[in-house]
Amino acid sequence: MSHLTTHVLDAMTGTPAEGVAVTLSGREDGGWEPLASGVTDGDGRIGEIGPERLSRGDYQVRFDTGMYFQRRGVESFYPEVVITFSVGDGAHYHVPLLLSPFAYSTYRGS
């Protein structure tokens, strides 16, 4: 069983991305079922999203990047970023997002 955190940084401004809506979904019967949602805080973080413990399996984290940039009056290319990942035996999973209006990157954080 594991838990999940996330952090979003705005590479355009070099600051945390506050106010990004995030949804965690798990795979159920071949489809994706929402498990939890939240909004990044002033440091661009969600300290823990979803159930206290995630069981083994595949999950998706969906970031509403379009709304984030729209509120700032910035044209962007990706209205959302969806990251699919697998949970195994790890105790903690951190899925960060480095964001700009026309690109993004992610990695398994610590």
C-alpha atoms as a PDB file:
ATOM      1  CA  MET A   1       0.000   0.000   0.000  1.00  0.00           C
ATOM      2  CA  SER A   2       1.287   3.467  -0.954  1.00  0.00           C
ATOM      3  CA  HIS A   3       0.333   7.132  -0.846  1.00  0.00           C
ATOM      4  CA  LEU A   4       0.645   9.872  -3.462  1.00  0.00           C
ATOM      5  CA  THR A   5       1.844  13.481  -3.441  1.00  0.00           C
ATOM      6  CA  THR A   6       2.324  15.954  -6.282  1.00  0.00           C
ATOM      7  CA  HIS A   7       4.044  19.259  -6.971  1.00  0.00           C
ATOM      8  CA  VAL A   8       3.536  21.581  -9.949  1.00  0.00           C
ATOM      9  CA  LEU A   9       6.111  24.184 -10.955  1.00  0.00           C
ATOM     10  CA  ASP A  10       5.515  26.861 -13.588  1.00  0.00           C
ATOM     11  CA  ALA A  11       8.686  26.918 -15.689  1.00  0.00           C
ATOM     12  CA  MET A  12       7.583  30.107 -17.452  1.00  0.00           C
ATOM     13  CA  THR A  13       7.599  32.136 -14.246  1.00  0.00           C
ATOM     14  CA  GLY A  14       9.963  30.010 -12.178  1.00  0.00           C
ATOM     15  CA  THR A  15       7.398  29.789  -9.388  1.00  0.00           C
ATOM     16  CA  PRO A  16       5.091  27.158  -7.868  1.00  0.00           C
ATOM     17  CA  ALA A  17       1.857  26.711  -9.819  1.00  0.00           C
ATOM     18  CA  GLU A  18      -0.837  27.589  -7.310  1.00  0.00           C
ATOM     19  CA  GLY A  19      -4.453  26.719  -8.066  1.00  0.00           C
ATOM     20  CA  VAL A  20      -4.020  23.791 -10.472  1.00  0.00           C
ATOM     21  CA  ALA A  21      -6.950  21.383 -10.185  1.00  0.00           C
ATOM     22  CA  VAL A  22      -5.773  17.765  -9.922  1.00  0.00           C
ATOM     23  CA  THR A  23      -7.789  14.542 -10.140  1.00  0.00           C
ATOM     24  CA  LEU A  24      -6.558  11.072  -9.226  1.00  0.00           C
ATOM     25  CA  SER A  25      -8.250   8.106 -10.905  1.00  0.00           C
ATOM     26  CA  GLY A  26      -7.782   4.357 -10.598  1.00  0.00           C
ATOM     27  CA  ARG A  27      -8.450   1.670 -13.167  1.00  0.00           C
ATOM     28  CA  GLU A  28     -11.746  -0.125 -12.508  1.00  0.00           C
ATOM     29  CA  ASP A  29     -13.320  -2.701 -14.835  1.00  0.00           C
ATOM     30  CA  GLY A  30     -11.314  -1.458 -17.828  1.00  0.00           C
ATOM     31  CA  GLY A  31     -12.149   2.224 -17.262  1.00  0.00           C
ATOM     32  CA  TRP A  32     -10.922   5.042 -15.050  1.00  0.00           C
ATOM     33  CA  GLU A  33     -12.792   5.902 -11.869  1.00  0.00           C
ATOM     34  CA  PRO A  34     -12.089   9.183 -10.043  1.00  0.00           C
ATOM     35  CA  LEU A  35     -10.788   8.548  -6.525  1.00  0.00           C
ATOM     36  CA  ALA A  36      -9.961  12.040  -5.278  1.00  0.00           C
ATOM     37  CA  SER A  37      -9.332  15.605  -6.339  1.00  0.00           C
ATOM     38  CA  GLY A  38      -7.597  18.652  -4.982  1.00  0.00           C
ATOM     39  CA  VAL A  39      -6.025  21.979  -5.864  1.00  0.00           C
ATOM     40  CA  THR A  40      -2.360  22.873  -5.541  1.00  0.00           C
ATOM     41  CA  ASP A  41      -1.515  25.205  -2.669  1.00  0.00           C
ATOM     42  CA  GLY A  42       0.679  28.324  -2.646  1.00  0.00           C
ATOM     43  CA  ASP A  43       3.762  26.131  -2.914  1.00  0.00           C
ATOM     44  CA  GLY A  44       2.279  24.269  -5.916  1.00  0.00           C
ATOM     45  CA  ARG A  45       1.792  21.118  -3.833  1.00  0.00           C
ATOM     46  CA  ILE A  46      -0.860  18.682  -2.792  1.00  0.00           C
ATOM     47  CA  GLY A  47       0.523  16.983   0.313  1.00  0.00           C
ATOM     48  CA  GLU A  48      -1.499  13.832  -0.135  1.00  0.00           C
ATOM     49  CA  ILE A  49      -4.162  13.082  -2.691  1.00  0.00           C
ATOM     50  CA  GLY A  50      -6.433  10.104  -2.746  1.00  0.00           C
ATOM     51  CA  PRO A  51      -6.912   7.313  -0.300  1.00  0.00           C
ATOM     52  CA  GLU A  52      -4.464   7.140   2.567  1.00  0.00           C
ATOM     53  CA  ARG A  53      -3.007   4.037   0.914  1.00  0.00           C
ATOM     54  CA  LEU A  54      -3.028   3.075  -2.769  1.00  0.00           C
ATOM     55  CA  SER A  55      -3.076  -0.609  -3.613  1.00  0.00           C
ATOM     56  CA  ARG A  56      -1.029  -2.098  -6.445  1.00  0.00           C
ATOM     57  CA  GLY A  57      -2.320  -1.120  -9.858  1.00  0.00           C
ATOM     58  CA  ASP A  58      -2.480   1.610 -12.478  1.00  0.00           C
ATOM     59  CA  TYR A  59      -3.504   5.188 -11.734  1.00  0.00           C
ATOM     60  CA  GLN A  60      -3.868   8.491 -13.551  1.00  0.00           C
ATOM     61  CA  VAL A  61      -3.228  11.997 -12.324  1.00  0.00           C
ATOM     62  CA  ARG A  62      -5.001  14.645 -14.415  1.00  0.00           C
ATOM     63  CA  PHE A  63      -3.839  18.282 -14.159  1.00  0.00           C
ATOM     64  CA  ASP A  64      -6.172  21.049 -15.437  1.00  0.00           C
ATOM     65  CA  THR A  65      -3.404  23.087 -17.041  1.00  0.00           C
ATOM     66  CA  GLY A  66      -5.685  24.927 -19.458  1.00  0.00           C
ATOM     67  CA  MET A  67      -7.671  26.591 -16.680  1.00  0.00           C
ATOM     68  CA  TYR A  68      -4.470  27.449 -14.811  1.00  0.00           C
ATOM     69  CA  PHE A  69      -3.061  29.363 -17.802  1.00  0.00           C
ATOM     70  CA  GLN A  70      -6.445  30.838 -18.771  1.00  0.00           C
ATOM     71  CA  ARG A  71      -6.761  32.470 -15.326  1.00  0.00           C
ATOM     72  CA  ARG A  72      -3.363  34.070 -15.943  1.00  0.00           C
ATOM     73  CA  GLY A  73      -4.288  35.291 -19.429  1.00  0.00           C
ATOM     74  CA  VAL A  74      -1.645  33.071 -21.033  1.00  0.00           C
ATOM     75  CA  GLU A  75      -2.214  31.172 -24.270  1.00  0.00           C
ATOM     76  CA  SER A  76      -1.322  27.496 -23.910  1.00  0.00           C
ATOM     77  CA  PHE A  77      -1.289  24.362 -26.035  1.00  0.00           C
ATOM     78  CA  TYR A  78      -2.182  21.584 -23.575  1.00  0.00           C
ATOM     79  CA  PRO A  79      -5.578  22.002 -21.868  1.00  0.00           C
ATOM     80  CA  GLU A  80      -4.735  19.115 -19.569  1.00  0.00           C
ATOM     81  CA  VAL A  81      -1.855  16.840 -18.683  1.00  0.00           C
ATOM     82  CA  VAL A  82      -2.622  13.214 -17.859  1.00  0.00           C
ATOM     83  CA  ILE A  83       0.092  11.065 -16.315  1.00  0.00           C
ATOM     84  CA  THR A  84      -0.517   7.339 -16.039  1.00  0.00           C
ATOM     85  CA  PHE A  85       1.658   5.411 -13.597  1.00  0.00           C
ATOM     86  CA  SER A  86       1.839   2.061 -11.822  1.00  0.00           C
ATOM     87  CA  VAL A  87       1.932   1.531  -8.071  1.00  0.00           C
ATOM     88  CA  GLY A  88       3.925  -1.414  -6.774  1.00  0.00           C
ATOM     89  CA  ASP A  89       5.440  -1.975  -3.374  1.00  0.00           C
ATOM     90  CA  GLY A  90       6.747   1.546  -2.752  1.00  0.00           C
ATOM     91  CA  ALA A  91       5.521   3.355   0.337  1.00  0.00           C
ATOM     92  CA  HIS A  92       5.427   6.805  -1.280  1.00  0.00           C
ATOM     93  CA  TYR A  93       4.861   7.976  -4.835  1.00  0.00           C
ATOM     94  CA  HIS A  94       5.536  11.570  -5.839  1.00  0.00           C
ATOM     95  CA  VAL A  95       4.414  12.697  -9.310  1.00  0.00           C
ATOM     96  CA  PRO A  96       5.747  16.201 -10.012  1.00  0.00           C
ATOM     97  CA  LEU A  97       4.906  18.284 -13.077  1.00  0.00           C
ATOM     98  CA  LEU A  98       7.122  20.956 -14.620  1.00  0.00           C
ATOM     99  CA  LEU A  99       4.784  23.093 -16.684  1.00  0.00           C
ATOM    100  CA  SER A 100       4.993  25.769 -19.362  1.00  0.00           C
ATOM    101  CA  PRO A 101       2.374  26.950 -21.878  1.00  0.00           C
ATOM    102  CA  PHE A 102       3.737  24.777 -24.710  1.00  0.00           C
ATOM    103  CA  ALA A 103       5.577  21.927 -22.951  1.00  0.00           C
ATOM    104  CA  TYR A 104       5.658  19.855 -19.812  1.00  0.00           C
ATOM    105  CA  SER A 105       7.780  17.168 -18.196  1.00  0.00           C
ATOM    106  CA  THR A 106       7.426  14.775 -15.313  1.00  0.00           C
ATOM    107  CA  TYR A 107       9.387  12.116 -13.477  1.00  0.00           C
ATOM    108  CA  ARG A 108       9.042   9.851 -10.479  1.00  0.00           C
ATOM    109  CA  GLY A 109       9.989  12.068  -7.585  1.00  0.00           C
ATOM    110  CA  SER A 110      10.933  11.206  -4.057  1.00  0.00           C
END
